[in-house]
Amino acid sequence: MHYILDNWSFDPFLIVAAIVVVWHEIGLRRLASRSRPERTRERRLRSLWFYLGLAVLLVAVESPLDYWADSYFIVHMVQHLLLMFAAPSLVVAGAPWQPLLDALPGRSGRSVTREVMTGGWSRPLRWLAEVFLRPWVAVFLFNVVMVAWHVPALYDLAASNSAVHIWLEHGSFFAAGVLFWLQFIPSPPFRRPMPLLERVAALLATNVVMIMIAMSLSIFVNHSVYSVYEHVAGVSLPPFADQQIGAAVLWVCGDFWALPTMIITIRMLLGDEGGMGTALERFLVKSGRDGGAVRGWASRPPARSVLAARASSSAPVASAPVPSAPEAAPLEPAPVPPAPGAEAAPVSPSAGAIDNPR
């Protein structure tokens, strides 16, 4: 039991997590004061996923996992999986963005939403969001971070320098994980601009990168590549065997998140507007028309799909027929006038990118 009860550490992430929880609760309370009870209940249920993600984050950096990661490569791989896969995916599922915006001091939730969408004081933040929330930028950043911190030189640097280990390595793992999983997990008010076919490609590419990292640490080498594990006192497991088992953990456990997400995305793709062929056609049309331009945070979706817009733009404009004789009149029956007192159904506006707090 001493492996579990002992060696808990104090990490600055604990203070950050506590501040974020209080901040989030303030935002939930402000939203509840002007929202319907069902919306308040929905936000509260989502917040449980968010808090569970923060708890997993703290387990990864505060529990004995962090202590034993200095001695065993296996434990370090488990920690990396929690920081890049488990904790970020739970946080994204919790959708804490609107409550965190509403909790900003001196601002009402509506004014914050308006300024996030239109610019103003938040223009630098909006610019950063537009850059890093682009789908392929997020996917590329996730894979670069995952590969970079497994390079022996950077890995040994993080293992020997606590500031680099805590803030650069752990921080980049978690931030890149949040950006990555935002592309796959519904998290209002964020809109996922990545088409289904591109999501499948992104997941497949990420899984290949994980496999290549695992093979580079277990099959393509015959010795331990990390010097920090070569002379650890009290560890009887050979460093290379430790490295091979850790590579298998990265390979297999990483698939626990990647493969189910890919299966769900493929099922959505097969059931979406004609299946794989239609999705591929939309992807090719989009790439040819706008060079793969994407919409990020707080972007309003187009009123029509790309294919519908293309068809309407290429269709000839029909002029109104002018009948020259009574027999040239249209054959359609005359429209039936509405019943007295009947009113036309109002047209509902398209939903915006920011969640309606009511």
Protein backbone atom coordinates (compact mmCIF):
# COMPACT_ATOMS: atom_id res chain seq x y z
CA MET A 1 0.00 0.00 0.00
CA HIS A 2 2.92 2.37 0.50
CA TYR A 3 3.26 2.57 -3.31
CA ILE A 4 -0.17 4.27 -3.35
CA LEU A 5 -0.27 6.14 -0.03
CA ASP A 6 3.27 7.49 -0.01
CA ASN A 7 5.13 9.87 -2.28
CA TRP A 8 2.31 12.28 -3.04
CA SER A 9 3.74 15.59 -4.18
CA PHE A 10 2.68 19.22 -4.30
CA ASP A 11 2.53 20.48 -7.87
CA PRO A 12 1.58 24.06 -8.90
CA PHE A 13 -1.10 22.53 -11.10
CA LEU A 14 -3.11 22.00 -7.89
CA ILE A 15 -3.36 25.77 -7.34
CA VAL A 16 -4.24 26.38 -10.99
CA ALA A 17 -6.94 23.69 -10.88
CA ALA A 18 -8.46 25.13 -7.69
CA ILE A 19 -8.64 28.62 -9.23
CA VAL A 20 -10.22 27.23 -12.40
CA VAL A 21 -12.87 25.33 -10.40
CA VAL A 22 -13.88 28.46 -8.45
CA TRP A 23 -13.87 30.51 -11.66
CA HIS A 24 -16.03 27.91 -13.40
CA GLU A 25 -18.54 27.78 -10.54
CA ILE A 26 -18.94 31.57 -10.65
CA GLY A 27 -19.68 31.35 -14.36
CA LEU A 28 -22.22 28.56 -13.82
CA ARG A 29 -23.98 30.64 -11.18
CA ARG A 30 -24.16 33.68 -13.46
CA LEU A 31 -25.53 31.61 -16.31
CA ALA A 32 -28.09 29.92 -14.04
CA SER A 33 -29.47 33.31 -12.98
CA ARG A 34 -30.74 34.00 -16.50
CA SER A 35 -31.18 30.52 -18.01
CA ARG A 36 -33.95 27.97 -18.12
CA PRO A 37 -33.76 25.19 -15.50
CA GLU A 38 -33.14 22.49 -18.13
CA ARG A 39 -30.18 24.42 -19.55
CA THR A 40 -28.77 24.91 -16.06
CA ARG A 41 -29.14 21.20 -15.35
CA GLU A 42 -27.43 20.34 -18.64
CA ARG A 43 -24.47 22.60 -17.84
CA ARG A 44 -24.18 21.09 -14.37
CA LEU A 45 -24.06 17.56 -15.79
CA ARG A 46 -21.39 18.62 -18.30
CA SER A 47 -19.37 20.22 -15.53
CA LEU A 48 -18.97 16.78 -13.92
CA TRP A 49 -16.93 15.65 -16.93
CA PHE A 50 -14.84 18.81 -16.66
CA TYR A 51 -14.11 18.26 -12.97
CA LEU A 52 -13.31 14.60 -13.61
CA GLY A 53 -10.80 15.71 -16.24
CA LEU A 54 -9.16 18.06 -13.75
CA ALA A 55 -9.04 15.21 -11.20
CA VAL A 56 -7.30 12.94 -13.72
CA LEU A 57 -4.84 15.75 -14.45
CA LEU A 58 -4.03 16.08 -10.76
CA VAL A 59 -3.62 12.31 -10.39
CA ALA A 60 -1.09 12.40 -13.22
CA VAL A 61 1.04 15.16 -11.68
CA GLU A 62 0.40 14.93 -7.92
CA SER A 63 0.07 11.22 -7.18
CA PRO A 64 2.88 8.64 -6.81
CA LEU A 65 2.69 8.24 -10.61
CA ASP A 66 4.85 11.33 -10.89
CA TYR A 67 7.29 10.01 -8.28
CA TRP A 68 7.69 6.56 -9.84
CA ALA A 69 7.92 8.03 -13.34
CA ASP A 70 11.46 9.12 -12.40
CA SER A 71 12.41 5.47 -11.90
CA TYR A 72 10.32 3.56 -14.44
CA PHE A 73 9.75 4.39 -18.09
CA ILE A 74 6.52 2.36 -17.93
CA VAL A 75 5.04 4.69 -15.34
CA HIS A 76 6.17 7.72 -17.32
CA MET A 77 4.26 6.46 -20.38
CA VAL A 78 1.11 6.00 -18.28
CA GLN A 79 1.52 9.58 -17.07
CA HIS A 80 1.90 10.84 -20.65
CA LEU A 81 -1.29 9.03 -21.70
CA LEU A 82 -3.23 10.61 -18.85
CA LEU A 83 -1.94 14.07 -19.76
CA MET A 84 -2.52 13.85 -23.52
CA PHE A 85 -5.55 11.55 -23.84
CA ALA A 86 -7.59 10.98 -20.68
CA ALA A 87 -7.57 14.38 -18.95
CA PRO A 88 -7.94 16.58 -22.09
CA SER A 89 -10.76 14.46 -23.56
CA LEU A 90 -12.74 14.68 -20.30
CA VAL A 91 -12.17 18.43 -20.05
CA VAL A 92 -13.34 18.93 -23.64
CA ALA A 93 -16.44 16.79 -22.98
CA GLY A 94 -17.19 19.04 -20.00
CA ALA A 95 -17.37 22.14 -22.26
CA PRO A 96 -16.26 24.68 -19.62
CA TRP A 97 -15.76 27.53 -22.10
CA GLN A 98 -19.03 29.51 -21.71
CA PRO A 99 -19.00 29.43 -17.87
CA LEU A 100 -15.33 30.49 -17.85
CA LEU A 101 -16.15 33.42 -20.16
CA ASP A 102 -19.11 34.47 -18.04
CA ALA A 103 -16.98 34.45 -14.89
CA LEU A 104 -14.65 37.16 -16.20
CA PRO A 105 -14.66 40.05 -13.68
CA GLY A 106 -16.60 43.17 -14.54
CA ARG A 107 -18.26 41.67 -17.59
CA SER A 108 -21.67 40.21 -18.11
CA GLY A 109 -21.83 36.96 -20.00
CA ARG A 110 -23.57 38.58 -22.97
CA SER A 111 -21.00 41.34 -23.35
CA VAL A 112 -18.18 38.81 -23.10
CA THR A 113 -19.79 36.67 -25.80
CA ARG A 114 -20.29 39.70 -28.03
CA GLU A 115 -16.71 40.86 -27.67
CA VAL A 116 -15.31 37.36 -28.26
CA MET A 117 -17.27 37.23 -31.52
CA THR A 118 -16.60 40.79 -32.72
CA GLY A 119 -13.13 41.50 -31.41
CA GLY A 120 -12.58 44.52 -29.13
CA TRP A 121 -10.52 43.86 -26.04
CA SER A 122 -10.15 40.17 -26.96
CA ARG A 123 -8.61 40.58 -30.42
CA PRO A 124 -5.22 39.05 -29.48
CA LEU A 125 -6.96 36.10 -27.80
CA ARG A 126 -9.26 35.72 -30.80
CA TRP A 127 -6.29 35.74 -33.18
CA LEU A 128 -4.51 33.04 -31.17
CA ALA A 129 -7.68 30.96 -31.07
CA GLU A 130 -8.15 31.26 -34.82
CA VAL A 131 -4.58 30.04 -35.39
CA PHE A 132 -4.36 27.17 -32.91
CA LEU A 133 -7.95 25.98 -33.29
CA ARG A 134 -7.57 25.35 -37.00
CA PRO A 135 -8.14 21.62 -37.28
CA TRP A 136 -4.91 20.53 -38.95
CA VAL A 137 -2.87 22.99 -36.90
CA ALA A 138 -4.22 21.35 -33.72
CA VAL A 139 -3.57 17.84 -35.07
CA PHE A 140 -0.07 18.76 -36.24
CA LEU A 141 0.77 20.42 -32.91
CA PHE A 142 -0.45 17.37 -30.97
CA ASN A 143 1.78 15.02 -32.94
CA VAL A 144 4.79 17.36 -32.83
CA VAL A 145 4.52 17.65 -29.04
CA MET A 146 4.16 13.87 -28.68
CA VAL A 147 7.21 13.18 -30.87
CA ALA A 148 9.40 15.99 -29.51
CA TRP A 149 9.18 14.99 -25.84
CA HIS A 150 10.21 11.42 -26.70
CA VAL A 151 13.43 12.59 -28.35
CA PRO A 152 16.19 11.43 -25.94
CA ALA A 153 17.78 14.88 -25.53
CA LEU A 154 14.49 16.62 -24.61
CA TYR A 155 13.32 13.66 -22.52
CA ASP A 156 16.49 13.69 -20.43
CA LEU A 157 16.29 17.49 -20.09
CA ALA A 158 12.76 17.28 -18.70
CA ALA A 159 13.74 14.45 -16.35
CA SER A 160 16.64 16.48 -14.91
CA ASN A 161 14.94 19.92 -14.76
CA SER A 162 11.75 20.20 -12.71
CA ALA A 163 10.63 23.51 -14.28
CA VAL A 164 10.93 22.08 -17.79
CA HIS A 165 9.24 18.88 -16.63
CA ILE A 166 6.27 20.57 -14.97
CA TRP A 167 5.52 23.62 -17.09
CA LEU A 168 6.90 22.85 -20.54
CA GLU A 169 6.43 19.09 -20.85
CA HIS A 170 3.27 18.57 -18.81
CA GLY A 171 1.78 21.90 -19.85
CA SER A 172 2.35 21.31 -23.55
CA PHE A 173 0.99 17.75 -23.28
CA PHE A 174 -2.26 18.95 -21.72
CA ALA A 175 -2.73 22.04 -23.93
CA ALA A 176 -2.03 20.13 -27.13
CA GLY A 177 -4.40 17.39 -25.98
CA VAL A 178 -7.23 19.88 -25.42
CA LEU A 179 -6.72 21.43 -28.88
CA PHE A 180 -6.63 17.97 -30.45
CA TRP A 181 -9.74 16.55 -28.80
CA LEU A 182 -11.74 19.69 -29.55
CA GLN A 183 -11.73 18.47 -33.15
CA PHE A 184 -13.49 15.21 -32.25
CA ILE A 185 -15.58 15.62 -29.09
CA PRO A 186 -18.65 17.93 -28.99
CA SER A 187 -17.81 20.86 -26.75
CA PRO A 188 -20.24 23.79 -27.14
CA PRO A 189 -19.95 26.58 -28.05
CA PHE A 190 -16.94 25.41 -30.06
CA ARG A 191 -17.83 24.29 -33.58
CA ARG A 192 -15.88 21.44 -35.15
CA PRO A 193 -15.01 22.68 -38.65
CA MET A 194 -13.16 19.50 -39.61
CA PRO A 195 -15.22 17.32 -41.98
CA LEU A 196 -15.79 13.69 -41.02
CA LEU A 197 -13.41 12.35 -43.66
CA GLU A 198 -10.62 14.61 -42.41
CA ARG A 199 -11.26 13.50 -38.83
CA VAL A 200 -10.75 9.88 -39.87
CA ALA A 201 -7.51 10.83 -41.66
CA ALA A 202 -6.29 12.82 -38.64
CA LEU A 203 -6.96 9.96 -36.22
CA LEU A 204 -5.30 7.46 -38.53
CA ALA A 205 -2.22 9.68 -38.94
CA THR A 206 -1.97 10.19 -35.17
CA ASN A 207 -2.25 6.47 -34.55
CA VAL A 208 0.54 5.83 -37.08
CA VAL A 209 2.75 8.37 -35.28
CA MET A 210 2.16 6.59 -31.96
CA ILE A 211 2.99 3.24 -33.53
CA MET A 212 6.20 4.64 -35.00
CA ILE A 213 7.25 6.05 -31.62
CA ALA A 214 6.56 2.69 -29.96
CA MET A 215 8.47 0.77 -32.64
CA SER A 216 11.39 3.21 -32.42
CA LEU A 217 11.68 2.46 -28.71
CA SER A 218 11.21 -1.30 -28.86
CA ILE A 219 11.96 -2.82 -32.28
CA PHE A 220 14.35 -0.47 -34.07
CA VAL A 221 16.82 -0.26 -31.15
CA ASN A 222 18.53 -2.84 -28.96
CA HIS A 223 19.39 -0.68 -25.93
CA SER A 224 17.91 1.97 -23.67
CA VAL A 225 17.94 5.40 -25.35
CA TYR A 226 17.25 7.40 -22.16
CA SER A 227 20.28 7.88 -19.93
CA VAL A 228 18.18 8.87 -16.91
CA TYR A 229 17.06 5.23 -16.45
CA GLU A 230 20.44 3.57 -16.80
CA HIS A 231 21.55 3.88 -13.19
CA VAL A 232 18.46 4.22 -10.99
CA ALA A 233 19.12 2.94 -7.50
CA GLY A 234 16.87 0.13 -6.29
CA VAL A 235 15.42 -0.71 -9.71
CA SER A 236 16.05 -4.28 -10.76
CA LEU A 237 14.15 -4.13 -14.07
CA PRO A 238 16.66 -3.74 -16.92
CA PRO A 239 16.36 -0.31 -18.59
CA PHE A 240 15.82 -1.74 -22.07
CA ALA A 241 13.10 -4.14 -20.88
CA ASP A 242 11.46 -1.20 -19.08
CA GLN A 243 11.64 0.81 -22.31
CA GLN A 244 10.08 -1.99 -24.38
CA ILE A 245 7.18 -2.46 -21.96
CA GLY A 246 6.64 1.30 -21.83
CA ALA A 247 6.54 1.42 -25.64
CA ALA A 248 3.88 -1.29 -25.61
CA VAL A 249 1.86 0.72 -23.07
CA LEU A 250 2.03 3.78 -25.34
CA TRP A 251 0.96 1.70 -28.35
CA VAL A 252 -1.88 -0.29 -26.79
CA CYS A 253 -3.30 2.18 -24.28
CA GLY A 254 -3.12 5.05 -26.77
CA ASP A 255 -5.42 3.01 -29.02
CA PHE A 256 -8.01 2.89 -26.21
CA TRP A 257 -8.77 6.53 -27.05
CA ALA A 258 -7.85 6.75 -30.73
CA LEU A 259 -9.59 3.64 -32.09
CA PRO A 260 -13.04 4.11 -30.45
CA THR A 261 -13.08 7.70 -31.65
CA MET A 262 -12.17 6.55 -35.15
CA ILE A 263 -14.92 3.90 -35.14
CA ILE A 264 -17.53 6.44 -34.04
CA THR A 265 -16.34 8.91 -36.68
CA ILE A 266 -16.47 6.29 -39.45
CA ARG A 267 -20.01 5.31 -38.43
CA MET A 268 -21.03 8.97 -38.57
CA LEU A 269 -19.36 9.25 -41.97
CA LEU A 270 -21.20 6.24 -43.39
CA GLY A 271 -24.53 7.61 -42.21
CA ASP A 272 -23.93 11.21 -43.29
CA GLU A 273 -25.63 12.40 -46.49
CA GLY A 274 -24.84 9.51 -48.78
CA GLY A 275 -21.83 7.97 -47.07
CA MET A 276 -18.16 7.90 -47.97
CA GLY A 277 -18.51 8.90 -51.64
CA THR A 278 -20.46 12.06 -50.90
CA ALA A 279 -18.08 13.01 -48.11
CA LEU A 280 -15.09 12.52 -50.42
CA GLU A 281 -16.74 14.65 -53.12
CA ARG A 282 -17.41 17.43 -50.61
CA PHE A 283 -13.82 17.28 -49.44
CA LEU A 284 -12.46 17.54 -53.02
CA VAL A 285 -14.81 20.38 -53.91
CA LYS A 286 -13.86 22.26 -50.76
CA SER A 287 -10.14 21.81 -51.40
CA GLY A 288 -10.51 23.05 -54.96
CA ARG A 289 -12.66 26.07 -54.17
CA ASP A 290 -11.20 27.63 -51.05
CA GLY A 291 -7.84 25.92 -50.54
CA GLY A 292 -9.03 24.18 -47.40
CA ALA A 293 -10.00 27.35 -45.52
CA VAL A 294 -11.53 26.50 -42.18
CA ARG A 295 -13.64 28.20 -39.59
CA GLY A 296 -12.46 28.33 -36.01
CA TRP A 297 -13.81 29.57 -32.73
CA ALA A 298 -17.06 31.54 -32.81
CA SER A 299 -17.52 31.18 -36.56
CA ARG A 300 -21.00 31.07 -38.04
CA PRO A 301 -21.63 28.11 -40.35
CA PRO A 302 -22.63 28.79 -43.95
CA ALA A 303 -26.31 28.80 -44.78
CA ARG A 304 -25.88 26.13 -47.45
CA SER A 305 -23.41 23.37 -48.09
CA VAL A 306 -20.57 23.83 -50.54
CA LEU A 307 -22.13 21.47 -53.06
CA ALA A 308 -25.49 23.26 -52.94
CA ALA A 309 -23.78 26.63 -53.35
CA ARG A 310 -21.80 25.33 -56.32
CA ALA A 311 -24.89 23.88 -57.96
CA SER A 312 -26.87 27.10 -57.53
CA SER A 313 -24.04 29.24 -58.83
CA SER A 314 -23.57 27.11 -61.95
CA ALA A 315 -27.31 26.77 -62.76
CA PRO A 316 -28.64 29.09 -65.50
CA VAL A 317 -30.91 31.92 -64.41
CA ALA A 318 -34.39 31.28 -65.73
CA SER A 319 -36.36 34.28 -66.92
CA ALA A 320 -40.06 34.57 -66.09
CA PRO A 321 -42.22 33.18 -68.95
CA VAL A 322 -44.50 35.63 -70.72
CA PRO A 323 -47.53 33.77 -72.03
CA SER A 324 -48.59 34.86 -75.51
CA ALA A 325 -51.87 32.97 -75.46
CA PRO A 326 -54.18 31.55 -72.84
CA GLU A 327 -52.95 28.01 -73.55
CA ALA A 328 -49.38 29.06 -72.66
CA ALA A 329 -50.33 29.73 -69.06
CA PRO A 330 -48.76 27.47 -66.40
CA LEU A 331 -50.45 24.14 -65.89
CA GLU A 332 -50.02 24.20 -62.09
CA PRO A 333 -53.17 24.73 -60.04
CA ALA A 334 -53.64 28.11 -58.50
CA PRO A 335 -52.32 28.43 -54.95
CA VAL A 336 -54.86 27.95 -52.19
CA PRO A 337 -55.15 31.08 -50.04
CA PRO A 338 -54.52 30.58 -46.33
CA ALA A 339 -57.40 30.10 -43.98
CA PRO A 340 -58.65 33.17 -42.16
CA GLY A 341 -56.63 33.89 -39.07
CA ALA A 342 -53.79 31.55 -40.10
CA GLU A 343 -50.28 32.87 -39.80
CA ALA A 344 -47.08 31.75 -41.46
CA ALA A 345 -44.66 29.89 -39.23
CA PRO A 346 -41.77 32.12 -38.20
CA VAL A 347 -38.39 31.31 -39.65
CA SER A 348 -35.96 30.46 -36.86
CA PRO A 349 -32.54 32.08 -37.21
CA SER A 350 -29.53 29.84 -37.63
CA ALA A 351 -27.79 28.96 -34.42
CA GLY A 352 -24.70 31.00 -33.63
CA ALA A 353 -21.39 29.60 -32.57
CA ILE A 354 -21.72 30.81 -28.96
CA ASP A 355 -24.07 28.82 -26.77
CA ASN A 356 -27.32 30.64 -26.01
CA PRO A 357 -27.27 31.06 -22.23
CA ARG A 358 -31.04 30.83 -22.09
